[in-house]
Amino acid sequence: MKVAVLDIKGKDTGRKADLSDAVFGIEPNEHAVYLDVKQYMAHQRQGTHKAKERGEIAGSTRKIKKQKGTGTARAGSIKSPVFRGGGRIFGPRPKDYTQKLNKNVKRLARKSALSMKTRDKAILVVEDFDFETPRTKDFIQVLKSLGLENKKSLFVLGHSNNSVYLSSRNLKGSEVLTSSELSTYKILNANNIVLLEGALEGLETNLNK
């Protein structure tokens, strides 16, 4: 699949990038995408939620009233869940939410997500660029030139670039990742994917193992 390569001013460079059909042109597997996104969302949970149960409440252990003759239900402890300030019944406990997912399924999910974006014509290929110093203003100009100023965009680099990353960090609608950090969730969460030329080879190599 041939795609035009643009420069950071949004103009056609006259060159074409060859996108592998094995990565960008497969029949999307929606179930694999679901499993991968589900795992990603689960891994965002800290699992540190905790409520105090009856045995963890600070309070006297004496019997608060006599067993019989009060006309009310018997009660043995002020820490009982039926009293205000008592322990919580079946409250949340710390839990590990991590999920295991086969590597091949994760690769299939990422290829499916990229194929969906390709089908929707939401992928741009841009020649590699850099900034002399990190400036958000320069990155905003790149977004304007590519027509992505008011859209959620994901820039995929071939290798880490501190200047580009720092220039985009203050912008809520844009994110910069390397090809090795790319996930199914990140792909689907963006309106447009901007692939730098230097990221194509590494991305296709990682997904075709």
N, C-alpha and C. Protein backbone atom coordinates (compact mmCIF):
# COMPACT_ATOMS: atom_id res chain seq x y z
N MET A 1 0.85 -1.19 0.00
CA MET A 1 0.00 0.00 0.00
C MET A 1 0.89 1.25 0.00
N LYS A 2 0.72 2.11 -0.97
CA LYS A 2 1.54 3.30 -1.11
C LYS A 2 0.82 4.50 -0.50
N VAL A 3 1.56 5.27 0.31
CA VAL A 3 1.00 6.47 0.95
C VAL A 3 1.96 7.62 0.74
N ALA A 4 1.43 8.80 0.43
CA ALA A 4 2.27 9.97 0.21
C ALA A 4 2.96 10.39 1.50
N VAL A 5 4.21 10.78 1.39
CA VAL A 5 4.97 11.28 2.55
C VAL A 5 4.90 12.79 2.57
N LEU A 6 4.46 13.35 3.69
CA LEU A 6 4.33 14.79 3.84
C LEU A 6 5.50 15.35 4.64
N ASP A 7 5.73 16.67 4.47
CA ASP A 7 6.70 17.33 5.35
C ASP A 7 5.93 17.98 6.50
N ILE A 8 6.63 18.64 7.42
CA ILE A 8 5.95 19.20 8.60
C ILE A 8 5.10 20.42 8.25
N LYS A 9 5.18 20.88 6.99
CA LYS A 9 4.31 21.97 6.55
C LYS A 9 3.06 21.45 5.86
N GLY A 10 2.92 20.11 5.85
CA GLY A 10 1.74 19.49 5.26
C GLY A 10 1.78 19.35 3.76
N LYS A 11 2.95 19.60 3.15
CA LYS A 11 3.07 19.52 1.69
C LYS A 11 3.63 18.16 1.27
N ASP A 12 3.19 17.70 0.12
CA ASP A 12 3.64 16.41 -0.42
C ASP A 12 5.11 16.52 -0.83
N THR A 13 5.93 15.59 -0.35
CA THR A 13 7.35 15.61 -0.68
C THR A 13 7.64 14.96 -2.03
N GLY A 14 6.61 14.31 -2.61
CA GLY A 14 6.82 13.62 -3.88
C GLY A 14 7.26 12.18 -3.70
N ARG A 15 7.50 11.79 -2.47
CA ARG A 15 7.91 10.41 -2.18
C ARG A 15 6.73 9.61 -1.66
N LYS A 16 6.82 8.30 -1.75
CA LYS A 16 5.78 7.40 -1.28
C LYS A 16 6.35 6.44 -0.23
N ALA A 17 5.55 6.19 0.80
CA ALA A 17 5.92 5.21 1.82
C ALA A 17 5.12 3.94 1.57
N ASP A 18 5.77 2.80 1.67
CA ASP A 18 5.11 1.52 1.43
C ASP A 18 4.65 0.94 2.77
N LEU A 19 3.34 0.94 3.01
CA LEU A 19 2.78 0.38 4.24
C LEU A 19 2.47 -1.09 4.01
N SER A 20 2.99 -1.94 4.86
CA SER A 20 2.81 -3.38 4.73
C SER A 20 1.34 -3.77 4.89
N ASP A 21 0.84 -4.56 3.94
CA ASP A 21 -0.54 -5.04 4.03
C ASP A 21 -0.72 -5.99 5.21
N ALA A 22 0.38 -6.60 5.66
CA ALA A 22 0.30 -7.53 6.79
C ALA A 22 0.10 -6.79 8.11
N VAL A 23 0.31 -5.48 8.11
CA VAL A 23 0.13 -4.67 9.33
C VAL A 23 -1.02 -3.69 9.17
N PHE A 24 -1.10 -3.05 8.00
CA PHE A 24 -2.07 -1.98 7.80
C PHE A 24 -3.26 -2.38 6.92
N GLY A 25 -3.26 -3.62 6.45
CA GLY A 25 -4.32 -4.00 5.53
C GLY A 25 -5.00 -5.32 5.83
N ILE A 26 -4.99 -5.75 7.10
CA ILE A 26 -5.61 -7.03 7.44
C ILE A 26 -7.10 -6.84 7.74
N GLU A 27 -7.82 -7.93 7.81
CA GLU A 27 -9.21 -7.90 8.24
C GLU A 27 -9.21 -7.77 9.76
N PRO A 28 -9.71 -6.67 10.32
CA PRO A 28 -9.62 -6.44 11.76
C PRO A 28 -10.31 -7.53 12.58
N ASN A 29 -9.64 -7.95 13.64
CA ASN A 29 -10.21 -8.92 14.58
C ASN A 29 -10.72 -8.13 15.79
N GLU A 30 -12.01 -7.91 15.84
CA GLU A 30 -12.59 -7.04 16.87
C GLU A 30 -12.46 -7.65 18.27
N HIS A 31 -12.50 -8.98 18.35
CA HIS A 31 -12.40 -9.60 19.68
C HIS A 31 -10.99 -9.42 20.26
N ALA A 32 -9.97 -9.55 19.41
CA ALA A 32 -8.60 -9.33 19.87
C ALA A 32 -8.42 -7.89 20.34
N VAL A 33 -9.02 -6.94 19.60
CA VAL A 33 -8.96 -5.53 19.98
C VAL A 33 -9.63 -5.34 21.34
N TYR A 34 -10.79 -5.95 21.52
CA TYR A 34 -11.51 -5.85 22.80
C TYR A 34 -10.66 -6.37 23.96
N LEU A 35 -10.03 -7.54 23.78
CA LEU A 35 -9.23 -8.13 24.85
C LEU A 35 -8.04 -7.26 25.22
N ASP A 36 -7.39 -6.69 24.20
CA ASP A 36 -6.21 -5.86 24.46
C ASP A 36 -6.58 -4.55 25.16
N VAL A 37 -7.66 -3.93 24.71
CA VAL A 37 -8.11 -2.68 25.35
C VAL A 37 -8.57 -2.97 26.78
N LYS A 38 -9.25 -4.08 26.97
CA LYS A 38 -9.71 -4.47 28.30
C LYS A 38 -8.52 -4.66 29.24
N GLN A 39 -7.46 -5.30 28.76
CA GLN A 39 -6.26 -5.49 29.59
C GLN A 39 -5.61 -4.15 29.93
N TYR A 40 -5.51 -3.27 28.92
CA TYR A 40 -4.90 -1.95 29.14
C TYR A 40 -5.67 -1.18 30.22
N MET A 41 -7.00 -1.16 30.11
CA MET A 41 -7.82 -0.43 31.08
C MET A 41 -7.71 -1.04 32.47
N ALA A 42 -7.65 -2.36 32.53
CA ALA A 42 -7.51 -3.04 33.83
C ALA A 42 -6.18 -2.69 34.49
N HIS A 43 -5.13 -2.56 33.68
CA HIS A 43 -3.81 -2.26 34.23
C HIS A 43 -3.68 -0.82 34.71
N GLN A 44 -4.65 0.02 34.38
CA GLN A 44 -4.63 1.40 34.89
C GLN A 44 -5.15 1.47 36.32
N ARG A 45 -5.79 0.41 36.78
CA ARG A 45 -6.37 0.40 38.12
C ARG A 45 -5.28 0.07 39.15
N GLN A 46 -5.19 0.88 40.21
CA GLN A 46 -4.18 0.65 41.23
C GLN A 46 -4.53 -0.54 42.12
N GLY A 47 -5.81 -0.74 42.35
CA GLY A 47 -6.23 -1.85 43.19
C GLY A 47 -5.91 -1.67 44.67
N THR A 48 -5.75 -0.40 45.10
CA THR A 48 -5.40 -0.14 46.51
C THR A 48 -6.62 0.21 47.35
N HIS A 49 -7.83 0.03 46.80
CA HIS A 49 -9.05 0.37 47.54
C HIS A 49 -9.17 -0.54 48.79
N LYS A 50 -9.58 0.06 49.90
CA LYS A 50 -9.68 -0.71 51.15
C LYS A 50 -10.67 -0.04 52.09
N ALA A 51 -11.56 -0.85 52.66
CA ALA A 51 -12.47 -0.36 53.70
C ALA A 51 -12.20 -1.17 54.97
N LYS A 52 -12.32 -0.53 56.11
CA LYS A 52 -12.08 -1.23 57.38
C LYS A 52 -13.23 -2.16 57.72
N GLU A 53 -12.88 -3.36 58.08
CA GLU A 53 -13.88 -4.32 58.50
C GLU A 53 -14.00 -4.30 60.02
N ARG A 54 -14.88 -5.12 60.51
CA ARG A 54 -15.20 -5.11 61.94
C ARG A 54 -13.96 -5.28 62.82
N GLY A 55 -13.07 -6.18 62.43
CA GLY A 55 -11.89 -6.45 63.25
C GLY A 55 -10.83 -5.37 63.18
N GLU A 56 -10.99 -4.38 62.27
CA GLU A 56 -9.98 -3.33 62.10
C GLU A 56 -10.40 -1.99 62.68
N ILE A 57 -11.61 -1.92 63.20
CA ILE A 57 -12.12 -0.67 63.78
C ILE A 57 -11.60 -0.51 65.20
N ALA A 58 -11.19 0.72 65.53
CA ALA A 58 -10.75 1.02 66.90
C ALA A 58 -11.98 1.30 67.76
N GLY A 59 -12.09 0.61 68.87
CA GLY A 59 -13.26 0.81 69.75
C GLY A 59 -13.26 -0.21 70.86
N SER A 60 -14.09 0.03 71.84
CA SER A 60 -14.17 -0.87 72.99
C SER A 60 -14.77 -2.21 72.58
N THR A 61 -14.35 -3.25 73.26
CA THR A 61 -14.89 -4.59 72.98
C THR A 61 -15.93 -5.00 74.02
N ARG A 62 -16.25 -4.10 74.93
CA ARG A 62 -17.23 -4.48 75.97
C ARG A 62 -18.62 -4.62 75.35
N LYS A 63 -19.44 -5.41 76.02
CA LYS A 63 -20.81 -5.56 75.56
C LYS A 63 -21.55 -4.27 75.90
N ILE A 64 -22.17 -3.64 74.91
CA ILE A 64 -22.68 -2.28 75.10
C ILE A 64 -24.00 -2.21 75.86
N LYS A 65 -24.71 -3.32 75.94
CA LYS A 65 -25.95 -3.33 76.73
C LYS A 65 -26.26 -4.78 77.10
N LYS A 66 -27.14 -4.93 78.05
CA LYS A 66 -27.47 -6.28 78.50
C LYS A 66 -28.18 -7.05 77.39
N GLN A 67 -28.08 -8.39 77.50
CA GLN A 67 -28.59 -9.25 76.44
C GLN A 67 -30.11 -9.18 76.31
N LYS A 68 -30.80 -9.16 77.44
CA LYS A 68 -32.26 -9.23 77.40
C LYS A 68 -32.91 -8.05 78.12
N GLY A 69 -34.15 -7.83 77.83
CA GLY A 69 -34.93 -6.85 78.58
C GLY A 69 -34.89 -5.43 78.05
N THR A 70 -34.18 -5.17 76.95
CA THR A 70 -34.11 -3.79 76.44
C THR A 70 -35.20 -3.50 75.42
N GLY A 71 -35.83 -4.53 74.91
CA GLY A 71 -36.85 -4.34 73.88
C GLY A 71 -36.29 -4.15 72.49
N THR A 72 -34.98 -4.19 72.36
CA THR A 72 -34.34 -4.06 71.05
C THR A 72 -33.46 -5.27 70.78
N ALA A 73 -32.91 -5.32 69.60
CA ALA A 73 -32.08 -6.47 69.24
C ALA A 73 -30.84 -6.53 70.11
N ARG A 74 -30.39 -7.72 70.37
CA ARG A 74 -29.16 -7.90 71.16
C ARG A 74 -27.97 -7.31 70.40
N ALA A 75 -27.01 -6.80 71.11
CA ALA A 75 -25.82 -6.20 70.50
C ALA A 75 -24.63 -6.46 71.40
N GLY A 76 -23.54 -6.88 70.78
CA GLY A 76 -22.39 -7.23 71.58
C GLY A 76 -21.21 -6.28 71.45
N SER A 77 -21.13 -5.49 70.38
CA SER A 77 -19.96 -4.66 70.18
C SER A 77 -20.32 -3.37 69.46
N ILE A 78 -19.67 -2.28 69.85
CA ILE A 78 -19.89 -0.99 69.20
C ILE A 78 -19.31 -0.99 67.79
N LYS A 79 -18.45 -1.98 67.49
CA LYS A 79 -17.82 -2.07 66.17
C LYS A 79 -18.67 -2.84 65.17
N SER A 80 -19.86 -3.22 65.57
CA SER A 80 -20.75 -3.96 64.69
C SER A 80 -21.12 -3.12 63.46
N PRO A 81 -21.21 -3.73 62.31
CA PRO A 81 -21.56 -2.99 61.08
C PRO A 81 -22.93 -2.32 61.13
N VAL A 82 -23.80 -2.72 62.04
CA VAL A 82 -25.13 -2.10 62.09
C VAL A 82 -25.11 -0.75 62.78
N PHE A 83 -23.99 -0.41 63.43
CA PHE A 83 -23.89 0.88 64.12
C PHE A 83 -23.06 1.86 63.30
N ARG A 84 -23.39 3.13 63.44
CA ARG A 84 -22.61 4.17 62.78
C ARG A 84 -21.19 4.15 63.35
N GLY A 85 -20.21 4.17 62.44
CA GLY A 85 -18.81 4.11 62.87
C GLY A 85 -18.29 2.69 62.98
N GLY A 86 -19.16 1.73 62.74
CA GLY A 86 -18.73 0.34 62.81
C GLY A 86 -18.04 -0.10 61.53
N GLY A 87 -17.63 -1.35 61.49
CA GLY A 87 -16.95 -1.88 60.32
C GLY A 87 -17.90 -2.00 59.13
N ARG A 88 -17.33 -2.13 57.96
CA ARG A 88 -18.15 -2.25 56.75
C ARG A 88 -18.27 -3.72 56.34
N ILE A 89 -19.48 -4.09 55.96
CA ILE A 89 -19.72 -5.47 55.55
C ILE A 89 -19.31 -5.65 54.08
N PHE A 90 -18.51 -6.65 53.81
CA PHE A 90 -18.09 -6.98 52.44
C PHE A 90 -17.52 -5.75 51.71
N GLY A 91 -16.71 -4.96 52.38
CA GLY A 91 -16.11 -3.79 51.76
C GLY A 91 -15.00 -4.17 50.79
N PRO A 92 -14.53 -3.20 49.98
CA PRO A 92 -13.47 -3.49 49.02
C PRO A 92 -12.15 -3.83 49.70
N ARG A 93 -11.42 -4.74 49.10
CA ARG A 93 -10.10 -5.13 49.60
C ARG A 93 -9.07 -4.93 48.49
N PRO A 94 -7.80 -4.74 48.83
CA PRO A 94 -6.76 -4.60 47.80
C PRO A 94 -6.78 -5.78 46.84
N LYS A 95 -6.64 -5.47 45.55
CA LYS A 95 -6.76 -6.51 44.53
C LYS A 95 -5.84 -6.21 43.36
N ASP A 96 -5.25 -7.25 42.80
CA ASP A 96 -4.41 -7.11 41.61
C ASP A 96 -5.29 -7.31 40.38
N TYR A 97 -5.40 -6.25 39.54
CA TYR A 97 -6.28 -6.31 38.38
C TYR A 97 -5.56 -6.71 37.09
N THR A 98 -4.28 -7.01 37.18
CA THR A 98 -3.54 -7.34 35.96
C THR A 98 -4.12 -8.58 35.29
N GLN A 99 -4.08 -8.58 33.97
CA GLN A 99 -4.59 -9.70 33.19
C GLN A 99 -3.52 -10.18 32.23
N LYS A 100 -3.48 -11.47 32.01
CA LYS A 100 -2.50 -12.05 31.08
C LYS A 100 -3.13 -12.13 29.69
N LEU A 101 -2.34 -11.77 28.69
CA LEU A 101 -2.81 -11.85 27.31
C LEU A 101 -1.67 -12.31 26.43
N ASN A 102 -1.94 -13.28 25.59
CA ASN A 102 -0.94 -13.84 24.70
C ASN A 102 -0.33 -12.76 23.80
N LYS A 103 0.98 -12.82 23.59
CA LYS A 103 1.67 -11.82 22.77
C LYS A 103 1.14 -11.77 21.34
N ASN A 104 0.81 -12.93 20.81
CA ASN A 104 0.29 -12.97 19.44
C ASN A 104 -1.07 -12.28 19.33
N VAL A 105 -1.87 -12.40 20.40
CA VAL A 105 -3.17 -11.73 20.41
C VAL A 105 -2.97 -10.21 20.46
N LYS A 106 -1.98 -9.77 21.26
CA LYS A 106 -1.71 -8.34 21.36
C LYS A 106 -1.22 -7.78 20.03
N ARG A 107 -0.37 -8.53 19.34
CA ARG A 107 0.10 -8.08 18.02
C ARG A 107 -1.07 -8.00 17.04
N LEU A 108 -1.92 -9.02 17.06
CA LEU A 108 -3.08 -9.04 16.18
C LEU A 108 -4.00 -7.85 16.47
N ALA A 109 -4.15 -7.51 17.76
CA ALA A 109 -5.00 -6.38 18.14
C ALA A 109 -4.44 -5.06 17.61
N ARG A 110 -3.11 -4.88 17.73
CA ARG A 110 -2.50 -3.64 17.24
C ARG A 110 -2.59 -3.53 15.72
N LYS A 111 -2.37 -4.65 15.03
CA LYS A 111 -2.49 -4.64 13.58
C LYS A 111 -3.94 -4.37 13.15
N SER A 112 -4.87 -4.92 13.90
CA SER A 112 -6.29 -4.68 13.60
C SER A 112 -6.64 -3.21 13.79
N ALA A 113 -6.14 -2.61 14.88
CA ALA A 113 -6.41 -1.20 15.14
C ALA A 113 -5.81 -0.31 14.06
N LEU A 114 -4.57 -0.62 13.65
CA LEU A 114 -3.93 0.16 12.59
C LEU A 114 -4.67 -0.01 11.26
N SER A 115 -5.16 -1.21 11.00
CA SER A 115 -5.91 -1.45 9.76
C SER A 115 -7.23 -0.67 9.77
N MET A 116 -7.85 -0.56 10.94
CA MET A 116 -9.07 0.23 11.07
C MET A 116 -8.80 1.69 10.74
N LYS A 117 -7.70 2.21 11.28
CA LYS A 117 -7.35 3.61 11.03
C LYS A 117 -6.99 3.85 9.56
N THR A 118 -6.31 2.87 8.96
CA THR A 118 -5.97 2.98 7.54
C THR A 118 -7.23 2.99 6.69
N ARG A 119 -8.17 2.12 7.05
CA ARG A 119 -9.44 2.04 6.32
C ARG A 119 -10.21 3.36 6.43
N ASP A 120 -10.09 4.02 7.59
CA ASP A 120 -10.78 5.29 7.81
C ASP A 120 -9.97 6.49 7.30
N LYS A 121 -8.83 6.21 6.66
CA LYS A 121 -7.94 7.26 6.13
C LYS A 121 -7.52 8.23 7.24
N ALA A 122 -7.18 7.67 8.38
CA ALA A 122 -6.80 8.47 9.54
C ALA A 122 -5.31 8.35 9.87
N ILE A 123 -4.53 7.85 8.90
CA ILE A 123 -3.08 7.70 9.11
C ILE A 123 -2.33 8.60 8.13
N LEU A 124 -1.41 9.39 8.68
CA LEU A 124 -0.54 10.25 7.87
C LEU A 124 0.90 9.79 8.05
N VAL A 125 1.67 9.84 6.98
CA VAL A 125 3.10 9.54 7.06
C VAL A 125 3.85 10.85 6.83
N VAL A 126 4.68 11.21 7.79
CA VAL A 126 5.42 12.48 7.75
C VAL A 126 6.91 12.18 7.84
N GLU A 127 7.69 12.93 7.09
CA GLU A 127 9.13 12.74 7.15
C GLU A 127 9.65 13.09 8.55
N ASP A 128 10.75 12.49 8.94
CA ASP A 128 11.32 12.72 10.27
C ASP A 128 11.65 14.20 10.45
N PHE A 129 11.37 14.70 11.65
CA PHE A 129 11.68 16.09 11.96
C PHE A 129 12.16 16.22 13.39
N ASP A 130 12.75 17.34 13.69
CA ASP A 130 13.27 17.60 15.03
C ASP A 130 13.20 19.11 15.29
N PHE A 131 13.26 19.50 16.55
CA PHE A 131 13.30 20.90 16.94
C PHE A 131 14.65 21.17 17.61
N GLU A 132 15.19 22.37 17.35
CA GLU A 132 16.46 22.72 17.98
C GLU A 132 16.31 22.78 19.49
N THR A 133 15.21 23.39 19.94
CA THR A 133 14.90 23.45 21.37
C THR A 133 13.42 23.12 21.55
N PRO A 134 13.04 22.55 22.67
CA PRO A 134 11.62 22.23 22.90
C PRO A 134 10.76 23.49 22.97
N ARG A 135 9.80 23.61 22.07
CA ARG A 135 8.88 24.74 22.07
C ARG A 135 7.49 24.26 21.68
N THR A 136 6.54 24.47 22.57
CA THR A 136 5.17 24.06 22.29
C THR A 136 4.63 24.79 21.07
N LYS A 137 5.04 26.03 20.90
CA LYS A 137 4.60 26.83 19.76
C LYS A 137 4.97 26.17 18.43
N ASP A 138 6.16 25.59 18.36
CA ASP A 138 6.60 24.93 17.13
C ASP A 138 5.75 23.69 16.85
N PHE A 139 5.42 22.96 17.90
CA PHE A 139 4.62 21.75 17.71
C PHE A 139 3.19 22.11 17.28
N ILE A 140 2.66 23.18 17.84
CA ILE A 140 1.32 23.64 17.44
C ILE A 140 1.30 24.02 15.97
N GLN A 141 2.40 24.61 15.49
CA GLN A 141 2.48 24.97 14.07
C GLN A 141 2.46 23.73 13.18
N VAL A 142 3.12 22.65 13.64
CA VAL A 142 3.10 21.39 12.89
C VAL A 142 1.67 20.85 12.83
N LEU A 143 0.95 20.92 13.95
CA LEU A 143 -0.44 20.45 13.98
C LEU A 143 -1.31 21.25 13.01
N LYS A 144 -1.12 22.55 13.00
CA LYS A 144 -1.89 23.40 12.09
C LYS A 144 -1.61 23.04 10.63
N SER A 145 -0.35 22.84 10.31
CA SER A 145 0.04 22.53 8.93
C SER A 145 -0.54 21.21 8.47
N LEU A 146 -0.70 20.25 9.41
CA LEU A 146 -1.22 18.93 9.07
C LEU A 146 -2.74 18.86 9.20
N GLY A 147 -3.35 19.97 9.63
CA GLY A 147 -4.80 19.99 9.78
C GLY A 147 -5.29 19.23 11.00
N LEU A 148 -4.47 19.16 12.04
CA LEU A 148 -4.81 18.37 13.23
C LEU A 148 -4.95 19.23 14.48
N GLU A 149 -5.08 20.53 14.28
CA GLU A 149 -5.07 21.44 15.44
C GLU A 149 -6.17 21.13 16.44
N ASN A 150 -7.37 20.79 15.97
CA ASN A 150 -8.50 20.55 16.88
C ASN A 150 -8.89 19.08 16.95
N LYS A 151 -7.92 18.20 16.66
CA LYS A 151 -8.20 16.76 16.70
C LYS A 151 -7.22 16.07 17.65
N LYS A 152 -7.67 14.94 18.19
CA LYS A 152 -6.78 14.14 19.03
C LYS A 152 -5.81 13.41 18.10
N SER A 153 -4.52 13.66 18.30
CA SER A 153 -3.53 13.07 17.40
C SER A 153 -2.47 12.30 18.18
N LEU A 154 -1.94 11.28 17.53
CA LEU A 154 -0.89 10.46 18.12
C LEU A 154 0.29 10.42 17.15
N PHE A 155 1.44 10.94 17.60
CA PHE A 155 2.66 10.93 16.79
C PHE A 155 3.51 9.73 17.19
N VAL A 156 3.89 8.95 16.21
CA VAL A 156 4.69 7.75 16.47
C VAL A 156 6.09 7.96 15.91
N LEU A 157 7.08 7.96 16.80
CA LEU A 157 8.47 8.19 16.41
C LEU A 157 9.23 6.88 16.31
N GLY A 158 10.30 6.89 15.53
CA GLY A 158 11.14 5.70 15.42
C GLY A 158 11.98 5.48 16.66
N HIS A 159 12.40 6.57 17.29
CA HIS A 159 13.19 6.50 18.52
C HIS A 159 12.84 7.71 19.37
N SER A 160 13.19 7.66 20.64
CA SER A 160 12.83 8.75 21.55
C SER A 160 13.49 10.06 21.12
N ASN A 161 12.71 11.12 21.14
CA ASN A 161 13.19 12.45 20.77
C ASN A 161 12.71 13.42 21.83
N ASN A 162 13.60 13.84 22.68
CA ASN A 162 13.23 14.65 23.83
C ASN A 162 12.64 16.00 23.42
N SER A 163 13.16 16.60 22.37
CA SER A 163 12.67 17.92 21.94
C SER A 163 11.23 17.85 21.46
N VAL A 164 10.92 16.83 20.65
CA VAL A 164 9.55 16.68 20.15
C VAL A 164 8.61 16.31 21.30
N TYR A 165 9.06 15.41 22.16
CA TYR A 165 8.20 14.99 23.28
C TYR A 165 7.88 16.17 24.21
N LEU A 166 8.90 16.93 24.60
CA LEU A 166 8.68 18.06 25.51
C LEU A 166 7.83 19.16 24.85
N SER A 167 7.96 19.31 23.54
CA SER A 167 7.18 20.33 22.83
C SER A 167 5.69 20.00 22.83
N SER A 168 5.36 18.71 22.92
CA SER A 168 3.95 18.29 22.84
C SER A 168 3.34 18.03 24.21
N ARG A 169 4.15 18.04 25.25
CA ARG A 169 3.69 17.57 26.56
C ARG A 169 2.56 18.41 27.15
N ASN A 170 2.51 19.69 26.85
CA ASN A 170 1.49 20.56 27.43
C ASN A 170 0.17 20.54 26.66
N LEU A 171 0.13 19.81 25.56
CA LEU A 171 -1.07 19.79 24.73
C LEU A 171 -1.91 18.55 25.05
N LYS A 172 -3.13 18.77 25.50
CA LYS A 172 -3.99 17.65 25.91
C LYS A 172 -4.39 16.78 24.73
N GLY A 173 -4.54 17.37 23.56
CA GLY A 173 -5.05 16.62 22.42
C GLY A 173 -4.00 15.88 21.63
N SER A 174 -2.73 16.00 22.01
CA SER A 174 -1.67 15.35 21.24
C SER A 174 -0.77 14.52 22.16
N GLU A 175 -0.28 13.44 21.62
CA GLU A 175 0.61 12.57 22.38
C GLU A 175 1.71 12.07 21.46
N VAL A 176 2.91 11.92 22.03
CA VAL A 176 4.06 11.45 21.26
C VAL A 176 4.58 10.17 21.90
N LEU A 177 4.70 9.11 21.08
CA LEU A 177 5.20 7.82 21.54
C LEU A 177 6.23 7.30 20.54
N THR A 178 7.03 6.34 20.99
CA THR A 178 7.89 5.62 20.05
C THR A 178 7.13 4.39 19.57
N SER A 179 7.59 3.79 18.49
CA SER A 179 6.89 2.63 17.92
C SER A 179 6.82 1.47 18.89
N SER A 180 7.81 1.35 19.78
CA SER A 180 7.81 0.25 20.75
C SER A 180 6.82 0.48 21.88
N GLU A 181 6.36 1.72 22.07
CA GLU A 181 5.41 2.04 23.14
C GLU A 181 3.96 2.03 22.66
N LEU A 182 3.77 1.80 21.39
CA LEU A 182 2.43 1.89 20.80
C LEU A 182 1.52 0.78 21.34
N SER A 183 0.29 1.13 21.69
CA SER A 183 -0.67 0.15 22.19
C SER A 183 -1.98 0.29 21.42
N THR A 184 -2.80 -0.74 21.49
CA THR A 184 -4.09 -0.74 20.81
C THR A 184 -4.97 0.40 21.33
N TYR A 185 -4.96 0.59 22.64
CA TYR A 185 -5.79 1.65 23.23
C TYR A 185 -5.38 3.03 22.70
N LYS A 186 -4.07 3.28 22.65
CA LYS A 186 -3.58 4.58 22.18
C LYS A 186 -3.97 4.82 20.72
N ILE A 187 -3.91 3.76 19.91
CA ILE A 187 -4.26 3.89 18.50
C ILE A 187 -5.73 4.27 18.35
N LEU A 188 -6.60 3.56 19.06
CA LEU A 188 -8.04 3.79 18.94
C LEU A 188 -8.47 5.09 19.59
N ASN A 189 -7.72 5.54 20.59
CA ASN A 189 -8.10 6.75 21.32
C ASN A 189 -7.82 8.03 20.53
N ALA A 190 -7.00 7.93 19.49
CA ALA A 190 -6.65 9.11 18.69
C ALA A 190 -7.52 9.19 17.45
N ASN A 191 -7.82 10.41 17.04
CA ASN A 191 -8.56 10.60 15.79
C ASN A 191 -7.66 10.36 14.58
N ASN A 192 -6.40 10.78 14.71
CA ASN A 192 -5.44 10.62 13.61
C ASN A 192 -4.11 10.11 14.13
N ILE A 193 -3.48 9.23 13.35
CA ILE A 193 -2.16 8.71 13.68
C ILE A 193 -1.16 9.32 12.71
N VAL A 194 -0.10 9.92 13.25
CA VAL A 194 0.97 10.49 12.42
C VAL A 194 2.20 9.61 12.59
N LEU A 195 2.53 8.88 11.54
CA LEU A 195 3.69 8.00 11.56
C LEU A 195 4.88 8.70 10.92
N LEU A 196 5.96 8.82 11.66
CA LEU A 196 7.18 9.35 11.08
C LEU A 196 7.85 8.26 10.27
N GLU A 197 8.51 8.64 9.21
CA GLU A 197 9.14 7.65 8.31
C GLU A 197 10.05 6.69 9.08
N GLY A 198 10.78 7.24 10.03
CA GLY A 198 11.73 6.41 10.78
C GLY A 198 11.07 5.38 11.67
N ALA A 199 9.76 5.50 11.88
CA ALA A 199 9.05 4.56 12.77
C ALA A 199 8.49 3.37 12.01
N LEU A 200 8.36 3.49 10.68
CA LEU A 200 7.69 2.45 9.90
C LEU A 200 8.40 1.10 9.97
N GLU A 201 9.69 1.10 9.74
CA GLU A 201 10.43 -0.16 9.71
C GLU A 201 10.37 -0.88 11.05
N GLY A 202 10.62 -0.15 12.14
CA GLY A 202 10.58 -0.76 13.47
C GLY A 202 9.20 -1.24 13.84
N LEU A 203 8.19 -0.45 13.47
CA LEU A 203 6.80 -0.82 13.78
C LEU A 203 6.42 -2.11 13.06
N GLU A 204 6.72 -2.19 11.76
CA GLU A 204 6.37 -3.38 11.00
C GLU A 204 7.17 -4.60 11.46
N THR A 205 8.41 -4.39 11.86
CA THR A 205 9.24 -5.49 12.36
C THR A 205 8.67 -6.05 13.66
N ASN A 206 8.27 -5.13 14.57
CA ASN A 206 7.73 -5.56 15.87
C ASN A 206 6.43 -6.34 15.71
N LEU A 207 5.61 -5.93 14.74
CA LEU A 207 4.28 -6.54 14.61
C LEU A 207 4.28 -7.76 13.69
N ASN A 208 5.40 -8.04 13.05
CA ASN A 208 5.45 -9.20 12.15
C ASN A 208 6.37 -10.28 12.69
N LYS A 209 6.68 -10.25 13.98
CA LYS A 209 7.55 -11.27 14.56
C LYS A 209 6.83 -12.63 14.58
